[in-house]
Amino acid sequence: MNGRRVKVTIPATTANLGPGFDALGMAFQLYSVVEMEISDHTTVEMMGKELQGTPTDKNNLLYKVAARLFQEAGLAIPELAIRASSDAPLTRGLGSSAAAIVGALVAANHLAGEPFTREQLFEKATRLEGHPDNAGASMFGGIIVATMPEVPGDPVPYVRFSAPVGLRTLVVIPEFMLSTEKARNVLPQVYSREDVVYNVGHSSLLVAALAQGRLDLMGRAMSDRLHQPYRAKLVPGLNEILDKATEHGALGAALSGAGPTILCFFSSDEELEKLRAFVDRVMKGHDISYRVMILQPDENGVQVEIHQR
């Protein structure tokens, strides 16, 4: 087990894509890196501004997840030297916790001698996250359609396929954080049959459209009644962007995960220019500071490098 440093690169992700609540995820070419090795004493180094303020001791999520994997493998929990960096902002709806969990599981699994398969690691990540969408996209890349297993501990049922050729995303990141817990607390406990049927139809159409590259159907298929209408009060400008983005060059628009990041999908530079101007008007109209990224889908999922000491 000693003498190896594992470097794991994990893609950021988005979940839901509108109607696919807790079931649909996609990976982006925006990455976190976790490096891990067995050491004489535990050190946790968080690199870069995105990870400032996260714990740098055994309370760090990366250490806790790694320690749990060794324990579940029936091994003694070692001291670990951990270093991490991220280009993806935390608590903005881009799967930062899933990326950390997947990165820690994959790195620790290699240090432990790979007692678990990639599918088993996905099940562990899903259990820790509470839903499979971000974890699956981080683990496998591309687009993931998944649901929770009927029996805890069973394999997670999922399908992975590649994102449509030419699909790009204008990622609008407001300069404020929104916890997943707060975003979940605004959701109702009970939905009408009409709203449930609406979402089943739209999420089914969206999956089929993405699988067949039918970008022309994305705008209509991405409509949602289960979470976005309720979360809109937490994200100024969301309603306007969801309602009007397709009139300004977008193929479709959605809240990314629990938010506050908003996604506008497009496929041409002409669409992008119109979209940027529209988004800027909306965000300035609400006096919201924000930044944008233009991201393409990641098709590789988590990547591992092993360095022998």
Protein backbone atom coordinates (compact mmCIF):
# COMPACT_ATOMS: atom_id res chain seq x y z
CA MET A 1 0.00 0.00 0.00
CA ASN A 2 2.91 2.36 0.66
CA GLY A 3 5.05 4.20 -1.85
CA ARG A 4 2.30 5.32 -4.24
CA ARG A 5 0.74 8.70 -4.79
CA VAL A 6 -2.60 8.66 -6.58
CA LYS A 7 -3.75 11.68 -8.58
CA VAL A 8 -7.43 11.71 -9.51
CA THR A 9 -9.06 14.23 -11.87
CA ILE A 10 -12.84 14.56 -11.55
CA PRO A 11 -15.24 16.50 -13.80
CA ALA A 12 -17.74 19.01 -12.45
CA THR A 13 -21.34 18.11 -13.17
CA THR A 14 -24.85 19.41 -13.45
CA ALA A 15 -27.96 17.59 -12.30
CA ASN A 16 -31.66 17.59 -13.17
CA LEU A 17 -31.38 19.45 -16.53
CA GLY A 18 -34.83 20.79 -15.74
CA PRO A 19 -37.36 17.96 -15.30
CA GLY A 20 -34.97 15.07 -14.52
CA PHE A 21 -35.05 15.74 -10.78
CA ASP A 22 -32.42 13.61 -8.95
CA ALA A 23 -32.20 11.29 -11.97
CA LEU A 24 -30.35 13.07 -14.78
CA GLY A 25 -26.75 14.33 -14.75
CA MET A 26 -24.11 15.57 -17.19
CA ALA A 27 -20.35 16.04 -16.83
CA PHE A 28 -18.47 19.20 -17.82
CA GLN A 29 -14.89 19.89 -18.88
CA LEU A 30 -14.24 21.69 -15.58
CA TYR A 31 -12.17 19.75 -13.10
CA SER A 32 -11.19 19.08 -9.52
CA VAL A 33 -7.98 17.24 -8.63
CA VAL A 34 -7.41 15.07 -5.56
CA GLU A 35 -3.95 13.72 -4.73
CA MET A 36 -3.60 11.14 -1.97
CA GLU A 37 -0.89 8.97 -0.47
CA ILE A 38 -0.33 6.99 2.72
CA SER A 39 1.83 8.95 5.14
CA ASP A 40 3.22 8.96 8.68
CA HIS A 41 0.65 11.54 9.73
CA THR A 42 -2.43 13.05 8.14
CA THR A 43 -2.13 16.35 6.29
CA VAL A 44 -4.84 18.02 4.21
CA GLU A 45 -3.86 20.81 1.83
CA MET A 46 -6.57 22.77 0.02
CA MET A 47 -5.20 24.68 -2.98
CA GLY A 48 -6.76 27.74 -4.61
CA LYS A 49 -9.51 30.21 -3.77
CA GLU A 50 -12.42 27.85 -4.51
CA LEU A 51 -11.47 25.58 -1.59
CA GLN A 52 -10.67 28.28 0.96
CA GLY A 53 -12.42 27.73 4.27
CA THR A 54 -12.76 23.95 3.95
CA PRO A 55 -11.31 21.91 6.86
CA THR A 56 -7.63 20.97 6.71
CA ASP A 57 -7.72 18.13 9.24
CA LYS A 58 -9.52 14.81 9.64
CA ASN A 59 -12.87 16.65 9.49
CA ASN A 60 -12.26 17.23 5.79
CA LEU A 61 -14.77 15.40 3.57
CA LEU A 62 -12.00 13.85 1.47
CA TYR A 63 -10.37 12.27 4.51
CA LYS A 64 -13.66 11.08 6.00
CA VAL A 65 -14.73 9.41 2.74
CA ALA A 66 -11.31 7.79 2.27
CA ALA A 67 -11.24 6.53 5.86
CA ARG A 68 -14.69 5.01 5.42
CA LEU A 69 -13.56 3.15 2.29
CA PHE A 70 -10.59 1.56 4.11
CA GLN A 71 -12.95 0.59 6.92
CA GLU A 72 -15.49 -0.98 4.54
CA ALA A 73 -12.62 -2.89 2.88
CA GLY A 74 -11.73 -4.39 6.26
CA LEU A 75 -8.41 -2.53 6.41
CA ALA A 76 -6.83 -0.37 9.08
CA ILE A 77 -7.43 3.32 8.44
CA PRO A 78 -4.04 4.81 7.51
CA GLU A 79 -2.72 8.32 7.95
CA LEU A 80 -3.09 10.14 4.64
CA ALA A 81 -1.45 13.07 2.90
CA ILE A 82 -4.16 14.74 0.82
CA ARG A 83 -3.93 17.68 -1.54
CA ALA A 84 -6.87 19.02 -3.53
CA SER A 85 -7.69 21.80 -5.96
CA SER A 86 -10.81 22.76 -7.88
CA ASP A 87 -11.68 24.96 -10.81
CA ALA A 88 -15.38 24.50 -9.98
CA PRO A 89 -16.93 26.82 -7.39
CA LEU A 90 -18.39 25.26 -4.25
CA THR A 91 -22.09 25.34 -3.30
CA ARG A 92 -23.11 26.75 -6.67
CA GLY A 93 -24.86 23.70 -8.13
CA LEU A 94 -21.95 22.23 -10.09
CA GLY A 95 -21.55 18.98 -8.19
CA SER A 96 -18.63 19.96 -5.95
CA SER A 97 -19.56 17.56 -3.14
CA ALA A 98 -20.08 14.67 -5.59
CA ALA A 99 -16.70 15.39 -7.20
CA ALA A 100 -15.02 15.35 -3.78
CA ILE A 101 -16.73 12.09 -2.80
CA VAL A 102 -15.92 10.38 -6.12
CA GLY A 103 -12.33 11.65 -6.04
CA ALA A 104 -11.74 10.45 -2.48
CA LEU A 105 -13.33 7.05 -3.14
CA VAL A 106 -11.36 6.40 -6.32
CA ALA A 107 -8.04 7.56 -4.81
CA ALA A 108 -8.48 5.60 -1.59
CA ASN A 109 -9.58 2.50 -3.53
CA HIS A 110 -6.32 2.53 -5.48
CA LEU A 111 -4.25 2.96 -2.30
CA ALA A 112 -6.18 0.07 -0.73
CA GLY A 113 -5.34 -2.24 -3.64
CA GLU A 114 -8.64 -1.78 -5.53
CA PRO A 115 -10.92 -3.93 -3.37
CA PHE A 116 -13.99 -2.35 -4.99
CA THR A 117 -15.08 -2.11 -8.62
CA ARG A 118 -16.01 1.20 -10.25
CA GLU A 119 -19.69 0.18 -10.04
CA GLN A 120 -19.34 -0.45 -6.30
CA LEU A 121 -17.66 2.93 -5.85
CA PHE A 122 -20.59 4.53 -7.69
CA GLU A 123 -23.00 2.86 -5.25
CA LYS A 124 -20.99 4.19 -2.30
CA ALA A 125 -20.90 7.70 -3.78
CA THR A 126 -24.65 7.58 -4.41
CA ARG A 127 -25.29 6.47 -0.83
CA LEU A 128 -23.18 9.33 0.53
CA GLU A 129 -24.74 11.90 -1.81
CA GLY A 130 -28.31 10.66 -1.42
CA HIS A 131 -28.94 10.73 -5.19
CA PRO A 132 -27.06 9.28 -8.18
CA ASP A 133 -27.08 12.07 -10.80
CA ASN A 134 -23.96 14.13 -9.99
CA ALA A 135 -22.00 11.15 -8.68
CA GLY A 136 -22.70 9.11 -11.82
CA ALA A 137 -21.72 11.91 -14.17
CA SER A 138 -18.51 12.56 -12.21
CA MET A 139 -17.65 8.86 -12.20
CA PHE A 140 -18.46 7.95 -15.80
CA GLY A 141 -18.66 11.24 -17.76
CA GLY A 142 -21.19 12.01 -20.50
CA ILE A 143 -24.88 11.99 -19.60
CA ILE A 144 -26.16 9.70 -16.85
CA VAL A 145 -29.74 8.57 -16.30
CA ALA A 146 -30.02 6.81 -12.95
CA THR A 147 -32.28 6.04 -10.04
CA MET A 148 -31.75 4.95 -6.45
CA PRO A 149 -31.56 1.17 -5.93
CA GLU A 150 -34.66 -0.46 -4.44
CA VAL A 151 -32.54 -2.17 -1.76
CA PRO A 152 -29.78 -0.11 -0.08
CA GLY A 153 -26.39 -1.48 -1.05
CA ASP A 154 -27.58 -2.96 -4.34
CA PRO A 155 -25.98 -1.72 -7.59
CA VAL A 156 -27.29 1.63 -8.83
CA PRO A 157 -29.35 1.17 -12.04
CA TYR A 158 -28.06 3.60 -14.65
CA VAL A 159 -27.55 4.25 -18.36
CA ARG A 160 -24.67 6.35 -19.68
CA PHE A 161 -24.51 7.89 -23.14
CA SER A 162 -22.51 10.61 -24.85
CA ALA A 163 -23.75 14.18 -25.01
CA PRO A 164 -25.01 15.35 -28.42
CA VAL A 165 -22.29 16.57 -30.78
CA GLY A 166 -21.99 20.36 -30.76
CA LEU A 167 -23.79 20.92 -27.47
CA ARG A 168 -22.22 23.71 -25.42
CA THR A 169 -23.29 25.45 -22.25
CA LEU A 170 -23.24 29.05 -21.09
CA VAL A 171 -22.88 28.61 -17.33
CA VAL A 172 -24.12 31.62 -15.37
CA ILE A 173 -22.69 31.62 -11.83
CA PRO A 174 -24.15 34.21 -9.43
CA GLU A 175 -21.71 35.45 -6.80
CA PHE A 176 -23.64 34.05 -3.88
CA MET A 177 -23.82 30.58 -2.37
CA LEU A 178 -26.95 28.47 -2.01
CA SER A 179 -26.86 25.33 0.11
CA THR A 180 -28.56 22.22 -1.24
CA GLU A 181 -30.37 21.89 2.09
CA LYS A 182 -31.89 25.37 1.79
CA ALA A 183 -32.87 24.71 -1.84
CA ARG A 184 -34.53 21.42 -0.87
CA ASN A 185 -36.39 22.94 2.05
CA VAL A 186 -38.46 25.19 -0.26
CA LEU A 187 -39.89 22.17 -2.11
CA PRO A 188 -43.38 20.91 -1.26
CA GLN A 189 -43.98 17.53 0.36
CA VAL A 190 -46.88 16.70 -1.99
CA TYR A 191 -47.37 17.35 -5.72
CA SER A 192 -50.49 17.22 -7.86
CA ARG A 193 -50.92 14.32 -10.27
CA GLU A 194 -50.97 16.86 -13.11
CA ASP A 195 -47.51 18.17 -12.19
CA VAL A 196 -46.06 14.67 -11.75
CA VAL A 197 -47.40 13.54 -15.14
CA TYR A 198 -46.05 16.76 -16.70
CA ASN A 199 -42.55 16.02 -15.40
CA VAL A 200 -42.59 12.34 -16.34
CA GLY A 201 -43.47 13.31 -19.90
CA HIS A 202 -40.92 16.10 -20.17
CA SER A 203 -38.04 14.20 -18.55
CA SER A 204 -38.74 11.18 -20.80
CA LEU A 205 -38.77 13.40 -23.87
CA LEU A 206 -35.56 15.13 -22.76
CA VAL A 207 -33.67 11.85 -22.33
CA ALA A 208 -34.81 10.63 -25.74
CA ALA A 209 -33.92 13.98 -27.36
CA LEU A 210 -30.43 14.00 -25.81
CA ALA A 211 -29.82 10.35 -26.73
CA GLN A 212 -30.78 10.98 -30.38
CA GLY A 213 -29.19 14.42 -30.70
CA ARG A 214 -32.55 16.15 -31.18
CA LEU A 215 -31.37 19.56 -29.99
CA ASP A 216 -34.50 21.11 -31.53
CA LEU A 217 -36.61 19.47 -28.80
CA MET A 218 -34.54 20.57 -25.82
CA GLY A 219 -36.34 23.85 -25.16
CA ARG A 220 -39.74 22.24 -24.75
CA ALA A 221 -38.45 19.09 -23.06
CA MET A 222 -36.57 20.97 -20.32
CA SER A 223 -39.68 22.49 -18.73
CA ASP A 224 -40.14 21.50 -15.09
CA ARG A 225 -42.81 21.78 -12.39
CA LEU A 226 -41.22 19.90 -9.49
CA HIS A 227 -38.36 22.10 -8.29
CA GLN A 228 -37.50 25.13 -10.45
CA PRO A 229 -40.74 27.10 -9.80
CA TYR A 230 -40.17 26.79 -6.04
CA ARG A 231 -36.45 27.58 -6.13
CA ALA A 232 -36.92 30.64 -8.33
CA LYS A 233 -37.49 32.87 -5.29
CA LEU A 234 -33.98 31.93 -4.09
CA VAL A 235 -32.35 32.78 -7.44
CA PRO A 236 -33.13 36.26 -8.79
CA GLY A 237 -33.39 36.26 -12.58
CA LEU A 238 -34.07 32.53 -12.88
CA ASN A 239 -37.69 32.88 -13.99
CA GLU A 240 -36.85 35.34 -16.75
CA ILE A 241 -34.02 33.19 -18.08
CA LEU A 242 -36.09 29.99 -18.01
CA ASP A 243 -39.01 31.73 -19.73
CA LYS A 244 -37.15 33.74 -22.38
CA ALA A 245 -33.74 32.14 -23.05
CA THR A 246 -34.96 30.18 -26.07
CA GLU A 247 -36.09 33.48 -27.62
CA HIS A 248 -32.51 34.74 -27.31
CA GLY A 249 -30.49 31.90 -28.83
CA ALA A 250 -30.71 29.13 -26.22
CA LEU A 251 -31.60 25.55 -27.07
CA GLY A 252 -32.90 25.25 -23.52
CA ALA A 253 -32.22 26.53 -20.01
CA ALA A 254 -32.24 25.07 -16.51
CA LEU A 255 -31.18 25.60 -12.94
CA SER A 256 -28.00 23.61 -12.35
CA GLY A 257 -28.65 21.16 -9.53
CA ALA A 258 -29.98 23.04 -6.52
CA GLY A 259 -28.59 26.31 -7.90
CA PRO A 260 -27.88 29.16 -7.94
CA THR A 261 -25.95 28.46 -11.17
CA ILE A 262 -28.10 28.67 -14.31
CA LEU A 263 -27.37 26.78 -17.54
CA CYS A 264 -28.17 27.96 -21.06
CA PHE A 265 -27.43 25.37 -23.75
CA PHE A 266 -26.45 26.47 -27.26
CA SER A 267 -24.66 25.16 -30.35
CA SER A 268 -23.40 28.16 -32.36
CA ASP A 269 -21.36 31.31 -31.76
CA GLU A 270 -24.25 33.43 -33.08
CA GLU A 271 -26.55 31.96 -30.43
CA LEU A 272 -23.90 32.59 -27.79
CA GLU A 273 -23.62 36.30 -28.53
CA LYS A 274 -27.39 36.81 -28.26
CA LEU A 275 -27.52 34.72 -25.10
CA ARG A 276 -24.73 36.62 -23.35
CA ALA A 277 -26.39 39.97 -23.99
CA PHE A 278 -29.75 38.64 -22.75
CA VAL A 279 -28.29 37.10 -19.58
CA ASP A 280 -26.37 40.29 -18.82
CA ARG A 281 -29.56 42.39 -19.06
CA VAL A 282 -31.44 40.03 -16.75
CA MET A 283 -28.71 39.77 -14.11
CA LYS A 284 -28.01 43.50 -14.10
CA GLY A 285 -31.75 44.11 -13.84
CA HIS A 286 -31.69 42.20 -10.53
CA ASP A 287 -28.40 43.82 -9.45
CA ILE A 288 -26.74 40.39 -9.24
CA SER A 289 -22.96 40.06 -9.62
CA TYR A 290 -22.12 36.99 -11.67
CA ARG A 291 -19.54 35.34 -13.86
CA VAL A 292 -19.91 33.08 -16.86
CA MET A 293 -18.12 30.01 -18.15
CA ILE A 294 -18.55 28.37 -21.52
CA LEU A 295 -18.26 24.64 -21.01
CA GLN A 296 -18.35 21.53 -23.15
CA PRO A 297 -19.42 18.08 -21.97
CA ASP A 298 -16.79 15.78 -20.48
CA GLU A 299 -16.92 12.24 -21.89
CA ASN A 300 -14.18 10.63 -19.78
CA GLY A 301 -15.38 10.79 -16.19
CA VAL A 302 -12.90 10.32 -13.37
CA GLN A 303 -9.26 9.82 -14.48
CA VAL A 304 -6.47 8.25 -12.41
CA GLU A 305 -2.68 8.61 -12.48
CA ILE A 306 -0.45 6.49 -10.25
CA HIS A 307 2.97 7.84 -9.29
CA GLN A 308 5.45 5.45 -7.67
CA ARG A 309 7.68 6.93 -5.00
